[in-house]
Protein backbone atom coordinates (compact mmCIF):
# COMPACT_ATOMS: atom_id res chain seq x y z
CA MET A 1 81.90 120.20 129.71
CA LYS A 2 84.64 120.02 132.35
CA ARG A 3 87.92 121.81 131.67
CA LYS A 4 91.59 120.97 132.10
CA ARG A 5 93.39 122.66 134.95
CA ARG A 6 96.27 123.68 132.67
CA ASN A 7 97.69 122.99 129.21
CA VAL A 8 100.29 120.26 128.63
CA ALA A 9 102.84 119.80 125.86
CA ILE A 10 105.30 117.19 124.64
CA ILE A 11 108.74 118.80 124.65
CA GLY A 12 111.03 115.84 123.99
CA SER A 13 111.05 112.27 122.72
CA GLY A 14 113.53 109.48 122.21
CA MET A 15 113.61 105.96 120.83
CA SER A 16 116.01 103.09 120.74
CA LYS A 17 116.71 101.47 117.43
CA PHE A 18 114.03 98.84 116.74
CA SER A 19 115.10 95.34 115.76
CA SER A 20 114.00 91.72 115.97
CA HIS A 21 116.89 91.05 118.37
CA ARG A 22 118.74 93.59 120.52
CA GLU A 23 121.10 90.99 121.96
CA GLU A 24 123.87 93.54 122.56
CA VAL A 25 121.85 95.27 125.32
CA ASN A 26 119.73 94.18 128.26
CA GLN A 27 116.37 95.77 129.09
CA PRO A 28 117.67 98.67 131.24
CA GLU A 29 120.38 99.47 128.67
CA MET A 30 117.86 99.51 125.82
CA ILE A 31 115.52 101.78 127.79
CA HIS A 32 118.47 104.02 128.66
CA GLU A 33 118.97 104.73 124.94
CA ALA A 34 115.45 106.14 124.62
CA VAL A 35 115.56 108.10 127.90
CA VAL A 36 118.89 109.79 127.08
CA GLU A 37 117.65 110.77 123.62
CA ALA A 38 114.42 112.24 125.05
CA LEU A 39 116.29 114.24 127.68
CA ASP A 40 118.81 115.49 125.12
CA ASP A 41 115.96 116.47 122.80
CA ALA A 42 114.47 118.65 125.56
CA HIS A 43 117.89 119.86 126.84
CA LEU A 44 117.14 118.45 130.30
CA THR A 45 118.51 115.91 132.77
CA MET A 46 116.78 113.38 135.01
CA ALA A 47 117.12 115.88 137.85
CA ASP A 48 114.45 117.96 136.09
CA VAL A 49 111.93 115.09 135.92
CA ASP A 50 109.27 114.87 138.65
CA CYS A 51 107.60 111.55 137.82
CA VAL A 52 108.26 108.48 135.67
CA LEU A 53 105.52 106.37 134.08
CA HIS A 54 106.53 102.92 132.90
CA GLY A 55 104.71 100.32 130.81
CA ASN A 56 105.07 97.08 128.87
CA MET A 57 103.28 93.76 128.43
CA GLU A 58 104.74 92.12 131.51
CA LEU A 59 103.60 88.60 130.57
CA PHE A 60 105.49 88.71 127.25
CA GLU A 61 108.98 88.84 128.76
CA MET A 62 107.81 87.02 131.90
CA VAL A 63 109.69 89.39 134.24
CA HIS A 64 107.66 90.50 137.27
CA GLN A 65 107.80 94.24 138.07
CA PRO A 66 110.39 95.09 135.39
CA ASP A 67 110.11 98.79 136.26
CA MET A 68 111.98 98.04 139.51
CA TRP A 69 114.91 96.54 137.61
CA HIS A 70 114.88 99.25 134.95
CA VAL A 71 115.57 102.04 137.43
CA ILE A 72 119.28 101.46 136.77
CA GLY A 73 118.65 102.41 133.13
CA ASP A 74 115.90 105.00 133.33
CA GLY A 75 117.06 107.05 136.32
CA ALA A 76 113.75 106.83 138.17
CA TRP A 77 115.30 106.16 141.59
CA GLY A 78 113.65 108.30 144.27
CA LYS A 79 111.04 109.78 141.96
CA SER A 80 107.28 109.40 141.91
CA GLY A 81 106.24 106.62 139.59
CA VAL A 82 103.34 104.69 138.12
CA ARG A 83 103.38 101.40 136.22
CA LEU A 84 100.65 100.80 133.61
CA THR A 85 99.68 97.93 131.33
CA THR A 86 96.65 97.96 129.02
CA GLY A 87 97.74 95.50 126.34
CA GLY A 88 98.52 96.86 122.89
CA THR A 89 97.39 100.32 123.99
CA THR A 90 99.92 100.47 126.86
CA GLY A 91 102.08 103.13 125.21
CA ILE A 92 99.30 105.59 124.49
CA THR A 93 97.70 104.90 127.89
CA LEU A 94 101.01 106.09 129.34
CA ALA A 95 100.70 109.25 127.23
CA CYS A 96 97.14 109.87 128.42
CA ALA A 97 98.12 109.32 132.05
CA ALA A 98 101.14 111.61 131.72
CA ASP A 99 98.95 114.35 130.25
CA ASN A 100 96.37 113.98 133.01
CA ILE A 101 99.00 114.02 135.78
CA VAL A 102 100.60 117.22 134.47
CA ALA A 103 97.23 118.83 133.68
CA SER A 104 96.07 118.13 137.24
CA GLY A 105 98.95 120.11 138.71
CA LEU A 106 100.39 117.11 140.57
CA HIS A 107 103.67 117.26 138.62
CA ASP A 108 105.23 119.70 136.14
CA LEU A 109 107.43 117.33 134.12
CA VAL A 110 106.56 113.67 133.54
CA LEU A 111 108.59 111.09 131.62
CA ALA A 112 106.58 108.28 129.98
CA ILE A 113 108.53 105.14 129.04
CA GLY A 114 107.21 102.21 127.02
CA PHE A 115 109.29 99.19 126.07
CA GLU A 116 109.29 95.58 124.95
CA LYS A 117 112.09 93.07 124.46
CA LEU A 118 110.08 90.38 122.77
CA GLN A 119 113.02 88.10 121.96
CA GLU A 120 113.29 87.31 125.68
CA GLY A 121 109.78 85.94 126.10
CA HIS A 122 107.01 84.20 124.22
CA THR A 123 104.51 86.66 122.76
CA THR A 124 102.15 84.12 121.21
CA GLY A 125 102.14 82.09 124.41
CA GLY A 126 101.29 85.22 126.38
CA ILE A 127 98.44 86.22 124.08
CA THR A 128 96.83 82.83 123.71
CA ASN A 129 96.90 82.04 127.44
CA MET A 130 95.66 85.34 128.83
CA ALA A 131 91.94 84.54 128.45
CA ASP A 132 89.61 81.91 129.82
CA PRO A 133 89.74 78.97 127.38
CA LEU A 134 85.92 78.73 127.28
CA TRP A 135 84.50 82.24 127.66
CA GLY A 136 87.49 83.91 126.01
CA ARG A 137 87.79 81.46 123.14
CA GLY A 138 87.53 84.31 120.63
CA LEU A 139 90.84 85.67 121.94
CA GLN A 140 92.77 82.43 121.62
CA THR A 141 93.80 83.07 118.00
CA GLY A 142 95.96 85.98 119.17
CA ALA A 143 96.81 88.71 116.68
CA LEU A 144 96.66 86.66 113.48
CA THR A 145 93.34 86.96 111.68
CA GLY A 146 92.41 86.94 108.03
CA THR A 147 88.81 88.04 108.59
CA THR A 148 89.42 91.70 107.74
CA ALA A 149 91.09 90.75 104.48
CA GLN A 150 88.07 88.67 103.49
CA LYS A 151 85.69 91.44 104.55
CA VAL A 152 87.39 93.99 102.28
CA ILE A 153 87.61 91.49 99.41
CA ASP A 154 83.91 90.66 99.71
CA GLU A 155 82.98 94.34 99.67
CA PHE A 156 85.25 95.70 96.92
CA GLY A 157 86.37 92.71 94.86
CA GLU A 158 89.47 90.57 95.14
CA ASP A 159 91.76 92.32 92.66
CA ARG A 160 91.07 95.85 93.84
CA ALA A 161 91.22 94.97 97.53
CA LYS A 162 94.46 93.00 97.28
CA LEU A 163 96.21 95.72 95.29
CA ALA A 164 95.06 98.45 97.68
CA ALA A 165 96.28 96.52 100.73
CA ILE A 166 99.69 95.73 99.26
CA LYS A 167 100.08 99.29 97.95
CA LEU A 168 99.43 100.63 101.46
CA ARG A 169 102.04 98.18 102.78
CA THR A 170 104.53 99.37 100.16
CA ILE A 171 103.92 103.03 101.05
CA MET A 172 104.59 102.16 104.69
CA ASP A 173 107.86 100.52 103.65
CA GLU A 174 108.84 103.59 101.63
CA ASN A 175 108.35 105.61 104.80
CA ALA A 176 110.29 103.09 106.91
CA MET A 177 113.21 103.37 104.48
CA ARG A 178 113.45 107.06 105.48
CA ASN A 179 113.41 106.21 109.20
CA PRO A 180 116.78 104.97 110.54
CA LYS A 181 115.11 103.62 113.72
CA ALA A 182 112.66 101.35 111.86
CA HIS A 183 112.97 97.56 112.16
CA ARG A 184 111.63 96.23 108.83
CA ARG A 185 113.07 98.21 105.90
CA LEU A 186 112.36 95.95 102.96
CA HIS A 187 113.00 98.02 99.81
CA LEU A 188 109.58 97.13 98.39
CA ASP A 189 109.02 98.26 94.80
CA ARG A 190 105.68 99.51 93.46
CA GLU A 191 106.37 97.79 90.16
CA HIS A 192 105.89 94.42 91.88
CA LEU A 193 102.63 95.02 93.78
CA LYS A 194 100.73 92.19 92.08
CA ASP A 195 103.58 89.72 92.65
CA TYR A 196 103.69 90.63 96.36
CA ALA A 197 99.90 90.29 96.68
CA ASP A 198 99.76 86.89 94.96
CA THR A 199 102.97 85.10 95.95
CA ASP A 200 104.07 86.23 99.42
CA LEU A 201 103.87 83.62 102.20
CA ARG A 202 100.30 83.14 103.45
CA LEU A 203 99.54 83.33 107.16
CA VAL A 204 95.73 83.11 107.23
CA GLY A 205 93.61 83.46 104.09
CA GLU A 206 94.80 86.57 102.23
CA LEU A 207 96.73 87.83 105.24
CA ARG A 208 100.32 87.33 104.15
CA MET A 209 103.67 87.76 105.87
CA LEU A 210 104.27 91.12 104.18
CA HIS A 211 100.93 92.44 105.42
CA MET A 212 101.62 91.65 109.07
CA CYS A 213 103.42 93.71 111.71
CA SER A 214 106.78 92.66 113.06
CA GLN A 215 107.85 91.45 116.48
CA SER A 216 110.39 93.99 117.67
CA ASP A 217 112.65 94.91 120.56
CA GLY A 218 112.69 98.59 121.44
CA ALA A 219 111.89 101.44 123.82
CA CYS A 220 110.34 104.90 123.56
CA ALA A 221 110.44 107.81 126.02
CA VAL A 222 108.35 111.02 125.88
CA LEU A 223 108.50 114.12 128.10
CA PHE A 224 105.28 115.92 129.05
CA ALA A 225 105.54 119.43 130.53
CA SER A 226 103.18 121.99 132.03
CA GLU A 227 102.49 125.25 130.25
CA ASP A 228 104.62 127.20 132.73
CA LYS A 229 107.48 124.75 132.25
CA VAL A 230 107.27 125.12 128.47
CA ASP A 231 107.59 128.89 128.82
CA GLN A 232 110.37 128.63 131.38
CA LEU A 233 112.41 126.26 129.20
CA ASN A 234 111.61 128.08 125.94
CA ALA A 235 110.79 124.59 124.65
CA ASN A 236 109.62 123.50 121.21
CA PRO A 237 106.19 122.06 122.11
CA ALA A 238 103.56 119.81 120.59
CA TRP A 239 100.46 120.66 122.63
CA VAL A 240 98.10 117.94 123.80
CA VAL A 241 94.64 119.02 122.67
CA ASP A 242 92.55 116.00 123.68
CA HIS A 243 92.45 112.23 123.97
CA VAL A 244 89.68 109.65 123.94
CA THR A 245 89.48 106.03 125.10
CA VAL A 246 86.80 103.59 123.90
CA HIS A 247 86.89 99.84 124.52
CA ARG A 248 84.91 96.64 125.00
CA GLU A 249 86.95 95.06 127.75
CA GLU A 250 85.86 91.47 128.49
CA THR A 251 83.57 91.41 125.44
CA MET A 252 84.63 90.68 121.88
CA ILE A 253 81.71 92.09 119.90
CA PHE A 254 82.74 92.13 116.26
CA SER A 255 79.20 92.67 114.95
CA ALA A 256 78.50 95.88 116.87
CA GLU A 257 76.80 98.71 115.00
CA MET A 258 79.81 101.01 115.41
CA SER A 259 83.48 100.07 115.83
CA THR A 260 85.47 101.45 118.75
CA HIS A 261 87.62 103.30 116.17
CA ARG A 262 84.66 105.15 114.68
CA ALA A 263 83.12 105.81 118.11
CA ALA A 264 86.38 107.29 119.42
CA ALA A 265 86.88 109.40 116.28
CA LYS A 266 83.35 110.77 116.37
CA ARG A 267 83.69 111.76 120.02
CA LEU A 268 87.13 113.34 119.58
CA PHE A 269 86.22 115.27 116.43
CA GLU A 270 82.86 116.51 117.66
CA ARG A 271 84.23 118.04 120.84
CA ASN A 272 87.17 119.65 119.03
CA GLY A 273 85.31 121.14 116.07
CA ILE A 274 86.79 118.81 113.44
CA THR A 275 84.23 118.46 110.66
CA ASP A 276 86.54 117.30 107.84
CA PRO A 277 89.43 115.29 109.33
CA ARG A 278 91.06 114.67 105.94
CA LYS A 279 91.52 118.40 105.46
CA GLN A 280 91.95 119.57 109.05
CA ILE A 281 94.41 116.92 110.29
CA ASP A 282 97.83 117.17 108.67
CA VAL A 283 99.29 113.77 109.60
CA PHE A 284 98.03 110.57 111.22
CA GLU A 285 100.23 108.07 113.06
CA MET A 286 97.93 105.05 113.07
CA TYR A 287 98.39 101.85 115.06
CA ASP A 288 98.21 99.55 112.01
CA PRO A 289 98.92 95.90 112.97
CA SER A 290 98.51 94.76 109.36
CA ALA A 291 98.01 96.30 105.93
CA TRP A 292 94.46 94.91 105.80
CA TRP A 293 93.57 96.44 109.15
CA GLY A 294 95.24 99.72 108.23
CA LEU A 295 93.30 99.88 104.98
CA ASP A 296 89.96 99.04 106.59
CA TRP A 297 90.48 101.26 109.64
CA LEU A 298 91.14 104.38 107.55
CA SER A 299 87.41 104.39 106.91
CA ASP A 300 86.52 104.32 110.60
CA PHE A 301 89.14 106.75 111.89
CA LEU A 302 88.38 109.36 109.21
CA LEU A 303 84.60 108.74 109.25
CA LEU A 304 84.54 107.82 105.57
CA GLU A 305 81.83 106.06 103.59
CA GLY A 306 81.88 103.68 100.64
CA ASP A 307 85.27 103.16 98.99
CA GLU A 308 86.80 106.52 99.95
CA HIS A 309 89.52 104.81 102.01
CA LEU A 310 90.59 102.67 99.06
CA LYS A 311 90.68 105.75 96.84
CA MET A 312 92.96 107.51 99.33
CA VAL A 313 95.51 104.72 98.88
CA GLU A 314 94.99 104.32 95.14
CA ASN A 315 95.44 108.08 94.60
CA ASP A 316 98.57 108.33 96.81
CA GLU A 317 96.86 110.65 99.29
CA VAL A 318 98.38 108.72 102.22
CA GLY A 319 102.01 109.02 101.08
CA ILE A 320 104.49 111.24 102.90
CA ASP A 321 103.89 114.05 100.41
CA GLY A 322 100.17 113.33 100.00
CA GLU A 323 97.15 115.27 101.21
CA MET A 324 96.99 113.26 104.43
CA PRO A 325 100.20 111.36 105.20
CA ILE A 326 99.69 108.15 107.17
CA ASN A 327 102.55 106.81 109.30
CA PRO A 328 105.53 108.72 107.84
CA SER A 329 107.56 106.71 110.38
CA GLY A 330 106.68 103.42 108.67
CA GLY A 331 104.06 102.54 111.27
CA VAL A 332 103.51 99.35 113.24
CA MET A 333 104.12 97.14 110.21
CA ALA A 334 107.70 98.39 110.28
CA SER A 335 108.32 98.35 114.05
CA ASN A 336 106.29 96.76 116.83
CA PRO A 337 107.85 96.72 120.33
CA ILE A 338 104.38 96.20 121.80
CA GLY A 339 104.60 98.05 125.11
CA ALA A 340 106.19 100.99 123.28
CA THR A 341 104.32 100.76 119.98
CA ALA A 342 101.41 103.08 120.80
CA LEU A 343 103.73 105.56 122.56
CA VAL A 344 105.83 105.62 119.37
CA ARG A 345 102.69 106.76 117.52
CA VAL A 346 102.36 109.70 119.94
CA ALA A 347 106.09 110.46 119.81
CA GLU A 348 106.14 110.38 116.02
CA ALA A 349 103.04 112.59 115.76
CA ALA A 350 104.66 115.06 118.17
CA MET A 351 107.90 115.02 116.16
CA GLN A 352 105.93 115.96 113.05
CA VAL A 353 104.28 118.87 114.86
CA ARG A 354 107.64 119.99 116.27
CA GLY A 355 109.37 119.66 112.88
CA ALA A 356 111.79 117.17 114.44
CA ALA A 357 111.22 113.99 112.41
CA GLY A 358 114.36 114.29 110.29
CA ASP A 359 114.37 112.39 107.03
CA HIS A 360 110.75 111.28 107.45
CA GLN A 361 109.39 114.76 108.23
CA VAL A 362 106.42 115.44 105.98
CA PRO A 363 107.13 118.35 103.59
CA LYS A 364 104.00 120.37 104.37
CA PRO A 365 103.54 122.35 107.61
CA VAL A 366 102.03 120.19 110.35
CA LYS A 367 99.68 122.10 112.64
CA LEU A 368 97.45 119.23 113.79
CA ALA A 369 98.42 115.57 114.21
CA LEU A 370 96.49 112.49 115.28
CA ALA A 371 97.86 109.35 116.95
CA SER A 372 96.04 106.10 117.70
CA GLY A 373 96.55 103.01 119.82
CA PHE A 374 94.83 99.63 119.61
CA GLY A 375 94.50 96.67 121.97
CA GLY A 376 93.25 93.12 121.74
CA THR A 377 89.76 93.60 123.20
CA LEU A 378 88.89 96.24 120.61
CA TRP A 379 90.44 98.92 122.82
CA THR A 380 90.97 102.20 120.93
CA ILE A 381 92.69 105.39 122.11
CA LEU A 382 93.13 108.57 120.07
CA MET A 383 95.31 111.56 120.96
CA LEU A 384 95.19 114.92 119.17
CA LEU A 385 98.29 117.16 119.12
CA SER A 386 98.64 120.75 117.91
CA LYS A 387 101.31 123.26 116.96
CA ASP A 388 99.16 125.99 118.46
CA LYS A 389 98.54 126.14 122.19
CA PRO A 390 94.91 125.28 123.04
CA GLN A 391 92.77 128.09 124.34
CA SER A 392 92.80 128.50 128.09
CA GLY A 393 90.56 125.89 129.65
CA ALA A 394 90.93 123.12 127.09
CA THR A 395 88.63 120.12 127.43
CA THR A 396 89.36 117.26 129.78
CA HIS A 397 89.78 113.75 128.46
CA GLY A 398 87.75 110.58 128.63
């Protein structure tokens, strides 16, 4: 197997506050909030940064080449730069690219910036018009789908499935209540799970408003540094161990033998010696667009069988003080600035490894953290982060 040229670590991260409307700031000002926080976290200035990566879903705000405008807020003037867009996975694609650029030796310190200001565009219009109306008809429904809810109900029974999904949603809200940056902080109460499951506003089938992710404004910035730079700065690192991308671009195959989630997890775990992810991984920041998807996808990401994923929720294993905390930040259901969302997963996982998550830091030591991203054409990316520096000659990514 090919090897990385050199190790790479995350040494700083920053986020704006996430909200449905950030009317008090424009796009560059909102991005500036995240960039300043990331630089302050790493005790650096923009003069130290070699390269800036920038990403969002350009068609959502309908601003062409927004990275050009945002230079006045992100400080990228005169620096090397790359702009990336891969749909819902944009943020974690930025993280993968930043890791590869630093690992290659091209640059020593790379700043990855993801953002979205969804109030200024038309997200649903962007999603439903991005595919051919005949061949891409399966994409025209956008992000709203009740099929996963029905799948879980058919497999495990209506009462059990509905309670598991709404309990997972409530746990995510408990986590969001600890996170001052989170958008949706709803004060959900476990005593009312059945009422939430039965009476909340329906969107499609048993997919209800509470289950679904938000539409948020926000930005995230993450600093990636070479091993030499980490030593030079005496930084507090979260080391990038590996990342994997699996997708079915241009084909929406829902009946495939193996999901892209499970395929990515199998590949990542096998080449990094992870035989029991529930015990070896300390925290998982999952891209969970809805409670039904989050519940179902636990099985794929952790390579579970039967009803083990439901039991994890029912037994409180996924809570912030559980055996395997899921989304201590509150996850995507709490905050979803799409171009930043998957980068937030990486940033939050790194914060857990670095012990820098504040009020939503998990109580147990975090040595290994997993982050995921998801995009509309069943595009899955996983990134593995570690407290311990990988052995010299860590694996390359693909």
